[in-house]
């Protein structure tokens, strides 16, 4: 057996192009659960995980919700007014070695459930 024979029979192939992670825009799915828990589902796209940030609707500053190495991840933070739903916005970016490597996702609006 030689490398040439392996190539001829399709047993040896070039490594697949994994693409440029900076061009990836993550697609996320959010779900509001009871007790003000927000669940995010995502695909890691060969990266280590997902950095998720949130803000209350109307705020300008993003806050870290978490870095999730598995999907789904869950974020819980009490509403400003106990027992009342909160209107939040979420976004995410893929990470490698805890460093952001992808584009930010679209911004997703979520209303929490008390």
C-alpha atoms as a PDB file:
ATOM      1  CA  UNK A   1       0.000   0.000   0.000  1.00  0.00           C
ATOM      2  CA  UNK A   2       1.251   3.457  -0.912  1.00  0.00           C
ATOM      3  CA  UNK A   3      -0.092   6.965  -0.496  1.00  0.00           C
ATOM      4  CA  UNK A   4      -0.678   7.101  -4.272  1.00  0.00           C
ATOM      5  CA  UNK A   5      -2.862   3.963  -4.127  1.00  0.00           C
ATOM      6  CA  UNK A   6      -4.795   5.460  -1.197  1.00  0.00           C
ATOM      7  CA  UNK A   7      -5.441   8.640  -3.172  1.00  0.00           C
ATOM      8  CA  UNK A   8      -6.556   6.685  -6.254  1.00  0.00           C
ATOM      9  CA  UNK A   9      -9.134   4.757  -4.213  1.00  0.00           C
ATOM     10  CA  UNK A  10     -10.308   7.858  -2.359  1.00  0.00           C
ATOM     11  CA  UNK A  11      -8.953   6.637   0.965  1.00  0.00           C
ATOM     12  CA  UNK A  12      -6.745   9.686   1.400  1.00  0.00           C
ATOM     13  CA  UNK A  13      -8.371  13.047   0.930  1.00  0.00           C
ATOM     14  CA  UNK A  14      -7.245  16.567   1.629  1.00  0.00           C
ATOM     15  CA  UNK A  15      -8.342  17.955   4.976  1.00  0.00           C
ATOM     16  CA  UNK A  16     -11.736  19.654   4.602  1.00  0.00           C
ATOM     17  CA  UNK A  17     -11.732  23.434   4.570  1.00  0.00           C
ATOM     18  CA  UNK A  18     -13.246  24.426   7.889  1.00  0.00           C
ATOM     19  CA  UNK A  19     -13.785  27.947   6.658  1.00  0.00           C
ATOM     20  CA  UNK A  20     -13.036  31.220   8.331  1.00  0.00           C
ATOM     21  CA  UNK A  21     -14.685  31.376  11.771  1.00  0.00           C
ATOM     22  CA  UNK A  22     -14.794  35.174  11.510  1.00  0.00           C
ATOM     23  CA  UNK A  23     -17.358  34.822   8.717  1.00  0.00           C
ATOM     24  CA  UNK A  24     -19.761  32.662  10.771  1.00  0.00           C
ATOM     25  CA  UNK A  25     -22.953  34.319  12.013  1.00  0.00           C
ATOM     26  CA  UNK A  26     -24.423  31.999  14.673  1.00  0.00           C
ATOM     27  CA  UNK A  27     -28.085  31.054  14.429  1.00  0.00           C
ATOM     28  CA  UNK A  28     -29.638  30.775  17.862  1.00  0.00           C
ATOM     29  CA  UNK A  29     -32.946  29.633  19.291  1.00  0.00           C
ATOM     30  CA  UNK A  30     -34.252  31.167  22.516  1.00  0.00           C
ATOM     31  CA  UNK A  31     -37.027  29.897  24.743  1.00  0.00           C
ATOM     32  CA  UNK A  32     -38.472  31.580  27.834  1.00  0.00           C
ATOM     33  CA  UNK A  33     -39.042  29.062  30.634  1.00  0.00           C
ATOM     34  CA  UNK A  34     -40.727  29.513  34.004  1.00  0.00           C
ATOM     35  CA  UNK A  35     -38.874  31.178  36.878  1.00  0.00           C
ATOM     36  CA  UNK A  36     -37.240  33.722  34.559  1.00  0.00           C
ATOM     37  CA  UNK A  37     -34.993  31.150  32.886  1.00  0.00           C
ATOM     38  CA  UNK A  38     -34.044  31.764  29.251  1.00  0.00           C
ATOM     39  CA  UNK A  39     -32.741  28.754  27.310  1.00  0.00           C
ATOM     40  CA  UNK A  40     -30.517  29.183  24.256  1.00  0.00           C
ATOM     41  CA  UNK A  41     -29.860  26.408  21.740  1.00  0.00           C
ATOM     42  CA  UNK A  42     -27.028  26.649  19.223  1.00  0.00           C
ATOM     43  CA  UNK A  43     -24.549  24.796  17.019  1.00  0.00           C
ATOM     44  CA  UNK A  44     -20.892  25.092  17.976  1.00  0.00           C
ATOM     45  CA  UNK A  45     -19.661  25.012  14.353  1.00  0.00           C
ATOM     46  CA  UNK A  46     -16.387  23.311  15.439  1.00  0.00           C
ATOM     47  CA  UNK A  47     -15.713  26.033  18.018  1.00  0.00           C
ATOM     48  CA  UNK A  48     -15.462  25.633  21.808  1.00  0.00           C
ATOM     49  CA  UNK A  49     -18.741  27.272  22.729  1.00  0.00           C
ATOM     50  CA  UNK A  50     -20.974  30.326  22.622  1.00  0.00           C
ATOM     51  CA  UNK A  51     -20.704  33.663  24.416  1.00  0.00           C
ATOM     52  CA  UNK A  52     -24.180  35.020  25.158  1.00  0.00           C
ATOM     53  CA  UNK A  53     -24.867  38.617  26.125  1.00  0.00           C
ATOM     54  CA  UNK A  54     -28.130  40.274  27.117  1.00  0.00           C
ATOM     55  CA  UNK A  55     -29.615  43.670  27.869  1.00  0.00           C
ATOM     56  CA  UNK A  56     -33.013  44.940  28.873  1.00  0.00           C
ATOM     57  CA  UNK A  57     -34.936  46.468  25.971  1.00  0.00           C
ATOM     58  CA  UNK A  58     -34.029  50.157  25.845  1.00  0.00           C
ATOM     59  CA  UNK A  59     -30.590  49.725  27.443  1.00  0.00           C
ATOM     60  CA  UNK A  60     -27.456  50.303  25.377  1.00  0.00           C
ATOM     61  CA  UNK A  61     -24.905  48.253  27.344  1.00  0.00           C
ATOM     62  CA  UNK A  62     -24.620  44.490  26.883  1.00  0.00           C
ATOM     63  CA  UNK A  63     -23.955  42.233  29.881  1.00  0.00           C
ATOM     64  CA  UNK A  64     -22.508  38.727  29.920  1.00  0.00           C
ATOM     65  CA  UNK A  65     -25.172  36.044  30.321  1.00  0.00           C
ATOM     66  CA  UNK A  66     -22.630  33.219  30.087  1.00  0.00           C
ATOM     67  CA  UNK A  67     -20.217  31.222  27.996  1.00  0.00           C
ATOM     68  CA  UNK A  68     -21.794  27.890  27.152  1.00  0.00           C
ATOM     69  CA  UNK A  69     -19.783  24.868  26.047  1.00  0.00           C
ATOM     70  CA  UNK A  70     -22.881  22.743  25.472  1.00  0.00           C
ATOM     71  CA  UNK A  71     -26.239  23.390  23.911  1.00  0.00           C
ATOM     72  CA  UNK A  72     -28.654  24.249  25.339  1.00  0.00           C
ATOM     73  CA  UNK A  73     -27.439  26.796  27.863  1.00  0.00           C
ATOM     74  CA  UNK A  74     -29.622  28.499  30.438  1.00  0.00           C
ATOM     75  CA  UNK A  75     -29.527  32.056  31.762  1.00  0.00           C
ATOM     76  CA  UNK A  76     -31.374  33.146  34.890  1.00  0.00           C
ATOM     77  CA  UNK A  77     -31.503  36.634  36.324  1.00  0.00           C
ATOM     78  CA  UNK A  78     -34.432  38.044  38.315  1.00  0.00           C
ATOM     79  CA  UNK A  79     -36.566  40.764  36.766  1.00  0.00           C
ATOM     80  CA  UNK A  80     -36.223  44.328  38.041  1.00  0.00           C
ATOM     81  CA  UNK A  81     -39.791  44.033  39.382  1.00  0.00           C
ATOM     82  CA  UNK A  82     -40.381  40.733  41.168  1.00  0.00           C
ATOM     83  CA  UNK A  83     -43.102  38.609  39.572  1.00  0.00           C
ATOM     84  CA  UNK A  84     -43.209  40.702  36.384  1.00  0.00           C
ATOM     85  CA  UNK A  85     -41.951  39.589  32.961  1.00  0.00           C
ATOM     86  CA  UNK A  86     -38.857  41.340  31.615  1.00  0.00           C
ATOM     87  CA  UNK A  87     -38.294  42.336  27.992  1.00  0.00           C
ATOM     88  CA  UNK A  88     -34.743  41.402  27.078  1.00  0.00           C
ATOM     89  CA  UNK A  89     -32.539  41.235  24.021  1.00  0.00           C
ATOM     90  CA  UNK A  90     -29.943  38.521  23.517  1.00  0.00           C
ATOM     91  CA  UNK A  91     -27.077  37.994  21.093  1.00  0.00           C
ATOM     92  CA  UNK A  92     -24.299  35.441  20.812  1.00  0.00           C
ATOM     93  CA  UNK A  93     -20.887  34.839  19.276  1.00  0.00           C
ATOM     94  CA  UNK A  94     -18.865  31.655  18.964  1.00  0.00           C
ATOM     95  CA  UNK A  95     -15.697  31.375  21.050  1.00  0.00           C
ATOM     96  CA  UNK A  96     -12.431  29.462  20.779  1.00  0.00           C
ATOM     97  CA  UNK A  97     -10.281  29.352  23.951  1.00  0.00           C
ATOM     98  CA  UNK A  98     -12.773  31.854  25.460  1.00  0.00           C
ATOM     99  CA  UNK A  99     -12.022  34.414  22.722  1.00  0.00           C
ATOM    100  CA  UNK A 100     -14.769  35.644  20.386  1.00  0.00           C
ATOM    101  CA  UNK A 101     -14.060  34.339  16.882  1.00  0.00           C
ATOM    102  CA  UNK A 102     -17.322  34.728  14.957  1.00  0.00           C
ATOM    103  CA  UNK A 103     -19.635  37.557  14.033  1.00  0.00           C
ATOM    104  CA  UNK A 104     -22.364  38.474  16.495  1.00  0.00           C
ATOM    105  CA  UNK A 105     -25.674  36.780  15.874  1.00  0.00           C
ATOM    106  CA  UNK A 106     -28.845  38.655  15.126  1.00  0.00           C
ATOM    107  CA  UNK A 107     -30.460  40.246  18.184  1.00  0.00           C
ATOM    108  CA  UNK A 108     -33.252  38.110  19.630  1.00  0.00           C
ATOM    109  CA  UNK A 109     -36.062  39.562  21.747  1.00  0.00           C
ATOM    110  CA  UNK A 110     -37.251  37.425  24.663  1.00  0.00           C
ATOM    111  CA  UNK A 111     -39.956  38.097  27.260  1.00  0.00           C
ATOM    112  CA  UNK A 112     -39.217  36.231  30.475  1.00  0.00           C
ATOM    113  CA  UNK A 113     -41.808  34.214  32.368  1.00  0.00           C
ATOM    114  CA  UNK A 114     -42.059  34.778  36.138  1.00  0.00           C
END
